Amino acid sequence: MGQKLNLEQQAKEILRIAEESGVQSHFFFLTTFKRYQVQLSILSDLENTIKDDGSLVTKEYVKGRENVYTHPAVSEYNRTTDSANRTVQTLMKIIKDLGKEQDDEEEEDPLMKLLNGGDNE
């Protein structure tokens, strides 16, 4: 449970940063953040499965022979973790790039101000 709370806190922090940058309602941010939330949910489910079932499973073959394998949820957990990490990197890039674009738009170019008839003070 502590891990899940930590992931939720991380998601809230990403939203806070996005709001500060003014990109929280941008389409690319929203779709990528939604994907990240789904990945967090999948990770939570996989984590619970591994916790409940253990990280090893036994398969029984012909003649009653048993082999021990890593639980399939472990490899899925690792893949989903890698994917979620890349999604976070994408989110941070979106926040950085779109936030910068918005900052650039807000900064008034003195030449444009002059050309648009603004005072030269």
N, C-alpha and C. Protein backbone atom coordinates (compact mmCIF):
# COMPACT_ATOMS: atom_id res chain seq x y z
N MET A 1 0.82 -1.20 0.00
CA MET A 1 0.00 0.00 0.00
C MET A 1 0.86 1.26 0.00
N GLY A 2 1.99 1.27 0.74
CA GLY A 2 2.87 2.42 0.79
C GLY A 2 3.36 2.79 -0.61
N GLN A 3 3.66 1.80 -1.42
CA GLN A 3 4.11 2.02 -2.79
C GLN A 3 3.02 2.70 -3.60
N LYS A 4 1.78 2.24 -3.46
CA LYS A 4 0.68 2.81 -4.22
C LYS A 4 0.48 4.27 -3.84
N LEU A 5 0.52 4.56 -2.54
CA LEU A 5 0.37 5.93 -2.09
C LEU A 5 1.48 6.79 -2.67
N ASN A 6 2.68 6.27 -2.69
CA ASN A 6 3.80 6.99 -3.25
C ASN A 6 3.56 7.29 -4.74
N LEU A 7 3.05 6.31 -5.48
CA LEU A 7 2.76 6.52 -6.89
C LEU A 7 1.67 7.56 -7.08
N GLU A 8 0.66 7.53 -6.21
CA GLU A 8 -0.40 8.53 -6.28
C GLU A 8 0.16 9.92 -5.97
N GLN A 9 1.06 10.00 -5.02
CA GLN A 9 1.69 11.28 -4.70
C GLN A 9 2.51 11.78 -5.88
N GLN A 10 3.19 10.87 -6.55
CA GLN A 10 3.97 11.25 -7.73
C GLN A 10 3.05 11.79 -8.83
N ALA A 11 1.92 11.13 -9.03
CA ALA A 11 0.96 11.59 -10.04
C ALA A 11 0.44 12.98 -9.68
N LYS A 12 0.16 13.22 -8.40
CA LYS A 12 -0.30 14.53 -7.96
C LYS A 12 0.78 15.59 -8.18
N GLU A 13 2.01 15.21 -7.95
CA GLU A 13 3.12 16.15 -8.15
C GLU A 13 3.25 16.51 -9.63
N ILE A 14 3.09 15.54 -10.51
CA ILE A 14 3.14 15.80 -11.94
C ILE A 14 2.03 16.78 -12.32
N LEU A 15 0.83 16.57 -11.78
CA LEU A 15 -0.28 17.49 -12.05
C LEU A 15 0.03 18.89 -11.53
N ARG A 16 0.61 18.98 -10.35
CA ARG A 16 0.96 20.29 -9.79
C ARG A 16 1.94 21.02 -10.69
N ILE A 17 2.95 20.31 -11.15
CA ILE A 17 3.95 20.90 -12.04
C ILE A 17 3.30 21.34 -13.35
N ALA A 18 2.39 20.51 -13.86
CA ALA A 18 1.70 20.85 -15.10
C ALA A 18 0.85 22.11 -14.92
N GLU A 19 0.19 22.21 -13.78
CA GLU A 19 -0.63 23.40 -13.51
C GLU A 19 0.24 24.65 -13.41
N GLU A 20 1.38 24.54 -12.76
CA GLU A 20 2.30 25.67 -12.66
C GLU A 20 2.78 26.11 -14.04
N SER A 21 2.94 25.14 -14.94
CA SER A 21 3.40 25.44 -16.30
C SER A 21 2.25 25.83 -17.21
N GLY A 22 1.02 25.65 -16.74
CA GLY A 22 -0.16 26.01 -17.54
C GLY A 22 -0.49 25.03 -18.64
N VAL A 23 -0.04 23.79 -18.54
CA VAL A 23 -0.28 22.81 -19.61
C VAL A 23 -1.26 21.71 -19.19
N GLN A 24 -1.86 21.83 -17.99
CA GLN A 24 -2.68 20.75 -17.45
C GLN A 24 -3.89 20.41 -18.31
N SER A 25 -4.33 21.33 -19.18
CA SER A 25 -5.51 21.04 -20.02
C SER A 25 -5.13 20.84 -21.48
N HIS A 26 -3.85 20.78 -21.78
CA HIS A 26 -3.40 20.55 -23.15
C HIS A 26 -3.66 19.09 -23.54
N PHE A 27 -4.12 18.87 -24.76
CA PHE A 27 -4.50 17.54 -25.24
C PHE A 27 -3.39 16.51 -25.04
N PHE A 28 -2.17 16.84 -25.46
CA PHE A 28 -1.07 15.88 -25.36
C PHE A 28 -0.75 15.55 -23.91
N PHE A 29 -0.81 16.54 -23.05
CA PHE A 29 -0.57 16.27 -21.63
C PHE A 29 -1.67 15.37 -21.09
N LEU A 30 -2.93 15.71 -21.38
CA LEU A 30 -4.05 14.94 -20.83
C LEU A 30 -4.03 13.48 -21.28
N THR A 31 -3.79 13.25 -22.56
CA THR A 31 -3.79 11.86 -23.05
C THR A 31 -2.61 11.07 -22.49
N THR A 32 -1.47 11.71 -22.39
CA THR A 32 -0.29 11.03 -21.85
C THR A 32 -0.45 10.79 -20.35
N PHE A 33 -1.03 11.75 -19.64
CA PHE A 33 -1.24 11.58 -18.20
C PHE A 33 -2.27 10.48 -17.94
N LYS A 34 -3.30 10.40 -18.76
CA LYS A 34 -4.30 9.32 -18.63
C LYS A 34 -3.61 7.96 -18.82
N ARG A 35 -2.75 7.88 -19.80
CA ARG A 35 -2.00 6.63 -20.04
C ARG A 35 -1.16 6.28 -18.82
N TYR A 36 -0.54 7.27 -18.22
CA TYR A 36 0.27 7.05 -17.04
C TYR A 36 -0.59 6.53 -15.88
N GLN A 37 -1.78 7.08 -15.71
CA GLN A 37 -2.67 6.62 -14.65
C GLN A 37 -3.07 5.16 -14.87
N VAL A 38 -3.33 4.77 -16.11
CA VAL A 38 -3.65 3.37 -16.41
C VAL A 38 -2.46 2.48 -16.07
N GLN A 39 -1.26 2.93 -16.43
CA GLN A 39 -0.06 2.15 -16.13
C GLN A 39 0.10 1.98 -14.62
N LEU A 40 -0.17 3.02 -13.85
CA LEU A 40 -0.08 2.92 -12.40
C LEU A 40 -1.09 1.91 -11.86
N SER A 41 -2.27 1.89 -12.43
CA SER A 41 -3.30 0.94 -12.00
C SER A 41 -2.86 -0.51 -12.31
N ILE A 42 -2.32 -0.69 -13.49
CA ILE A 42 -1.83 -2.02 -13.88
C ILE A 42 -0.71 -2.46 -12.95
N LEU A 43 0.21 -1.54 -12.66
CA LEU A 43 1.32 -1.86 -11.75
C LEU A 43 0.80 -2.26 -10.38
N SER A 44 -0.20 -1.56 -9.90
CA SER A 44 -0.78 -1.88 -8.60
C SER A 44 -1.39 -3.28 -8.61
N ASP A 45 -2.14 -3.61 -9.67
CA ASP A 45 -2.74 -4.94 -9.78
C ASP A 45 -1.67 -6.03 -9.86
N LEU A 46 -0.64 -5.79 -10.66
CA LEU A 46 0.43 -6.77 -10.79
C LEU A 46 1.17 -6.95 -9.47
N GLU A 47 1.40 -5.85 -8.79
CA GLU A 47 2.08 -5.91 -7.50
C GLU A 47 1.27 -6.74 -6.50
N ASN A 48 -0.04 -6.54 -6.48
CA ASN A 48 -0.91 -7.32 -5.59
C ASN A 48 -0.89 -8.80 -5.96
N THR A 49 -0.89 -9.09 -7.26
CA THR A 49 -0.86 -10.48 -7.71
C THR A 49 0.44 -11.16 -7.26
N ILE A 50 1.54 -10.46 -7.44
CA ILE A 50 2.84 -11.02 -7.03
C ILE A 50 2.88 -11.21 -5.52
N LYS A 51 2.34 -10.23 -4.80
CA LYS A 51 2.31 -10.32 -3.34
C LYS A 51 1.46 -11.50 -2.88
N ASP A 52 0.31 -11.71 -3.53
CA ASP A 52 -0.60 -12.80 -3.16
C ASP A 52 -0.09 -14.17 -3.59
N ASP A 53 0.44 -14.25 -4.82
CA ASP A 53 0.83 -15.55 -5.39
C ASP A 53 2.29 -15.90 -5.17
N GLY A 54 3.11 -14.90 -4.85
CA GLY A 54 4.55 -15.12 -4.76
C GLY A 54 5.19 -14.87 -6.12
N SER A 55 6.49 -14.77 -6.12
CA SER A 55 7.19 -14.45 -7.36
C SER A 55 7.56 -15.69 -8.18
N LEU A 56 7.30 -16.88 -7.62
CA LEU A 56 7.59 -18.12 -8.33
C LEU A 56 6.33 -18.94 -8.51
N VAL A 57 6.25 -19.64 -9.63
CA VAL A 57 5.14 -20.56 -9.88
C VAL A 57 5.71 -21.91 -10.27
N THR A 58 4.93 -22.94 -10.04
CA THR A 58 5.35 -24.29 -10.39
C THR A 58 4.47 -24.80 -11.52
N LYS A 59 5.11 -25.35 -12.54
CA LYS A 59 4.38 -25.96 -13.63
C LYS A 59 4.63 -27.46 -13.57
N GLU A 60 3.54 -28.20 -13.71
CA GLU A 60 3.68 -29.66 -13.68
C GLU A 60 3.62 -30.19 -15.11
N TYR A 61 4.56 -31.05 -15.43
CA TYR A 61 4.63 -31.61 -16.76
C TYR A 61 4.24 -33.08 -16.73
N VAL A 62 4.33 -33.71 -17.88
CA VAL A 62 4.01 -35.13 -18.01
C VAL A 62 4.84 -35.93 -17.01
N LYS A 63 4.24 -36.99 -16.49
CA LYS A 63 4.88 -37.86 -15.51
C LYS A 63 5.09 -37.17 -14.16
N GLY A 64 4.36 -36.08 -13.93
CA GLY A 64 4.38 -35.43 -12.63
C GLY A 64 5.62 -34.60 -12.32
N ARG A 65 6.47 -34.41 -13.31
CA ARG A 65 7.66 -33.58 -13.06
C ARG A 65 7.25 -32.13 -12.92
N GLU A 66 7.87 -31.45 -11.97
CA GLU A 66 7.56 -30.04 -11.75
C GLU A 66 8.78 -29.18 -12.02
N ASN A 67 8.54 -28.04 -12.61
CA ASN A 67 9.59 -27.04 -12.81
C ASN A 67 9.11 -25.73 -12.20
N VAL A 68 10.05 -25.00 -11.61
CA VAL A 68 9.74 -23.72 -10.98
C VAL A 68 10.15 -22.60 -11.94
N TYR A 69 9.24 -21.65 -12.10
CA TYR A 69 9.47 -20.50 -12.98
C TYR A 69 9.12 -19.20 -12.26
N THR A 70 9.65 -18.12 -12.77
CA THR A 70 9.26 -16.81 -12.27
C THR A 70 7.80 -16.57 -12.68
N HIS A 71 7.02 -16.04 -11.77
CA HIS A 71 5.62 -15.73 -12.04
C HIS A 71 5.55 -14.80 -13.25
N PRO A 72 4.67 -15.08 -14.22
CA PRO A 72 4.54 -14.21 -15.40
C PRO A 72 4.24 -12.76 -15.04
N ALA A 73 3.61 -12.52 -13.90
CA ALA A 73 3.31 -11.15 -13.49
C ALA A 73 4.58 -10.35 -13.23
N VAL A 74 5.68 -11.03 -12.89
CA VAL A 74 6.93 -10.32 -12.62
C VAL A 74 7.45 -9.67 -13.89
N SER A 75 7.48 -10.40 -14.99
CA SER A 75 7.98 -9.82 -16.24
C SER A 75 7.02 -8.74 -16.75
N GLU A 76 5.73 -8.94 -16.57
CA GLU A 76 4.76 -7.90 -16.97
C GLU A 76 4.93 -6.65 -16.11
N TYR A 77 5.19 -6.86 -14.84
CA TYR A 77 5.42 -5.73 -13.93
C TYR A 77 6.65 -4.93 -14.39
N ASN A 78 7.73 -5.65 -14.71
CA ASN A 78 8.95 -4.99 -15.16
C ASN A 78 8.72 -4.23 -16.47
N ARG A 79 8.00 -4.83 -17.41
CA ARG A 79 7.70 -4.15 -18.68
C ARG A 79 6.85 -2.91 -18.47
N THR A 80 5.84 -3.05 -17.62
CA THR A 80 4.95 -1.93 -17.36
C THR A 80 5.70 -0.81 -16.62
N THR A 81 6.60 -1.18 -15.73
CA THR A 81 7.42 -0.19 -15.04
C THR A 81 8.27 0.59 -16.04
N ASP A 82 8.91 -0.13 -16.95
CA ASP A 82 9.72 0.54 -17.98
C ASP A 82 8.85 1.49 -18.81
N SER A 83 7.69 1.01 -19.18
CA SER A 83 6.77 1.84 -19.97
C SER A 83 6.31 3.06 -19.19
N ALA A 84 5.98 2.88 -17.92
CA ALA A 84 5.53 4.01 -17.09
C ALA A 84 6.67 5.02 -16.92
N ASN A 85 7.90 4.53 -16.78
CA ASN A 85 9.04 5.44 -16.67
C ASN A 85 9.20 6.27 -17.94
N ARG A 86 9.03 5.65 -19.09
CA ARG A 86 9.11 6.40 -20.36
C ARG A 86 7.95 7.39 -20.47
N THR A 87 6.78 7.00 -19.98
CA THR A 87 5.63 7.89 -20.02
C THR A 87 5.88 9.11 -19.15
N VAL A 88 6.48 8.93 -17.98
CA VAL A 88 6.81 10.06 -17.11
C VAL A 88 7.80 10.99 -17.81
N GLN A 89 8.79 10.41 -18.47
CA GLN A 89 9.75 11.24 -19.21
C GLN A 89 9.03 12.05 -20.29
N THR A 90 8.09 11.42 -20.97
CA THR A 90 7.30 12.12 -21.98
C THR A 90 6.48 13.24 -21.36
N LEU A 91 5.85 12.94 -20.21
CA LEU A 91 5.07 13.97 -19.52
C LEU A 91 5.94 15.17 -19.15
N MET A 92 7.11 14.90 -18.62
CA MET A 92 7.99 15.99 -18.22
C MET A 92 8.46 16.79 -19.44
N LYS A 93 8.69 16.11 -20.54
CA LYS A 93 9.08 16.81 -21.78
C LYS A 93 7.93 17.67 -22.27
N ILE A 94 6.71 17.14 -22.23
CA ILE A 94 5.54 17.93 -22.63
C ILE A 94 5.42 19.16 -21.75
N ILE A 95 5.54 18.97 -20.45
CA ILE A 95 5.43 20.10 -19.52
C ILE A 95 6.51 21.13 -19.81
N LYS A 96 7.73 20.66 -20.00
CA LYS A 96 8.85 21.58 -20.25
C LYS A 96 8.66 22.32 -21.57
N ASP A 97 8.38 21.57 -22.65
CA ASP A 97 8.28 22.19 -23.97
C ASP A 97 7.06 23.09 -24.11
N LEU A 98 5.90 22.61 -23.68
CA LEU A 98 4.69 23.42 -23.81
C LEU A 98 4.70 24.59 -22.83
N GLY A 99 5.25 24.36 -21.64
CA GLY A 99 5.37 25.46 -20.68
C GLY A 99 6.27 26.55 -21.21
N LYS A 100 7.36 26.15 -21.87
CA LYS A 100 8.29 27.12 -22.46
C LYS A 100 7.61 27.89 -23.58
N GLU A 101 6.84 27.17 -24.42
CA GLU A 101 6.11 27.85 -25.50
C GLU A 101 5.17 28.91 -24.94
N GLN A 102 4.48 28.56 -23.85
CA GLN A 102 3.55 29.51 -23.26
C GLN A 102 4.29 30.69 -22.65
N ASP A 103 5.44 30.42 -22.03
CA ASP A 103 6.25 31.51 -21.48
C ASP A 103 6.73 32.43 -22.60
N ASP A 104 7.16 31.84 -23.72
CA ASP A 104 7.63 32.63 -24.86
C ASP A 104 6.52 33.51 -25.40
N GLU A 105 5.29 32.97 -25.43
CA GLU A 105 4.16 33.75 -25.93
C GLU A 105 3.83 34.90 -25.00
N GLU A 106 4.03 34.70 -23.68
CA GLU A 106 3.69 35.73 -22.71
C GLU A 106 4.72 36.84 -22.68
N GLU A 107 5.99 36.52 -22.98
CA GLU A 107 7.02 37.55 -23.00
C GLU A 107 6.80 38.41 -24.22
N GLU A 108 6.72 39.72 -23.99
CA GLU A 108 6.44 40.61 -25.09
C GLU A 108 7.73 41.05 -25.74
N ASP A 109 7.80 40.84 -27.03
CA ASP A 109 8.95 41.25 -27.81
C ASP A 109 8.88 42.76 -27.99
N PRO A 110 9.92 43.49 -27.55
CA PRO A 110 9.88 44.95 -27.66
C PRO A 110 9.70 45.45 -29.10
N LEU A 111 10.31 44.76 -30.05
CA LEU A 111 10.15 45.16 -31.45
C LEU A 111 8.71 44.98 -31.90
N MET A 112 8.10 43.85 -31.54
CA MET A 112 6.70 43.62 -31.89
C MET A 112 5.80 44.64 -31.22
N LYS A 113 6.12 44.99 -29.98
CA LYS A 113 5.34 46.00 -29.27
C LYS A 113 5.40 47.32 -30.01
N LEU A 114 6.60 47.71 -30.44
CA LEU A 114 6.78 48.95 -31.17
C LEU A 114 6.03 48.91 -32.51
N LEU A 115 6.18 47.78 -33.23
CA LEU A 115 5.51 47.63 -34.52
C LEU A 115 4.00 47.63 -34.39
N ASN A 116 3.51 47.16 -33.24
CA ASN A 116 2.07 47.13 -33.02
C ASN A 116 1.54 48.45 -32.44
N GLY A 117 2.40 49.47 -32.37
CA GLY A 117 1.95 50.77 -31.94
C GLY A 117 2.06 51.00 -30.44
N GLY A 118 2.76 50.14 -29.71
CA GLY A 118 2.93 50.32 -28.27
C GLY A 118 3.94 51.41 -28.00
N ASP A 119 3.90 51.94 -26.74
CA ASP A 119 4.87 52.98 -26.41
C ASP A 119 6.26 52.40 -26.27
N ASN A 120 7.22 53.22 -26.42
CA ASN A 120 8.61 52.82 -26.49
C ASN A 120 9.32 53.01 -25.16
N GLU A 121 8.61 53.09 -24.06
CA GLU A 121 9.24 53.37 -22.77
C GLU A 121 9.84 52.16 -22.21
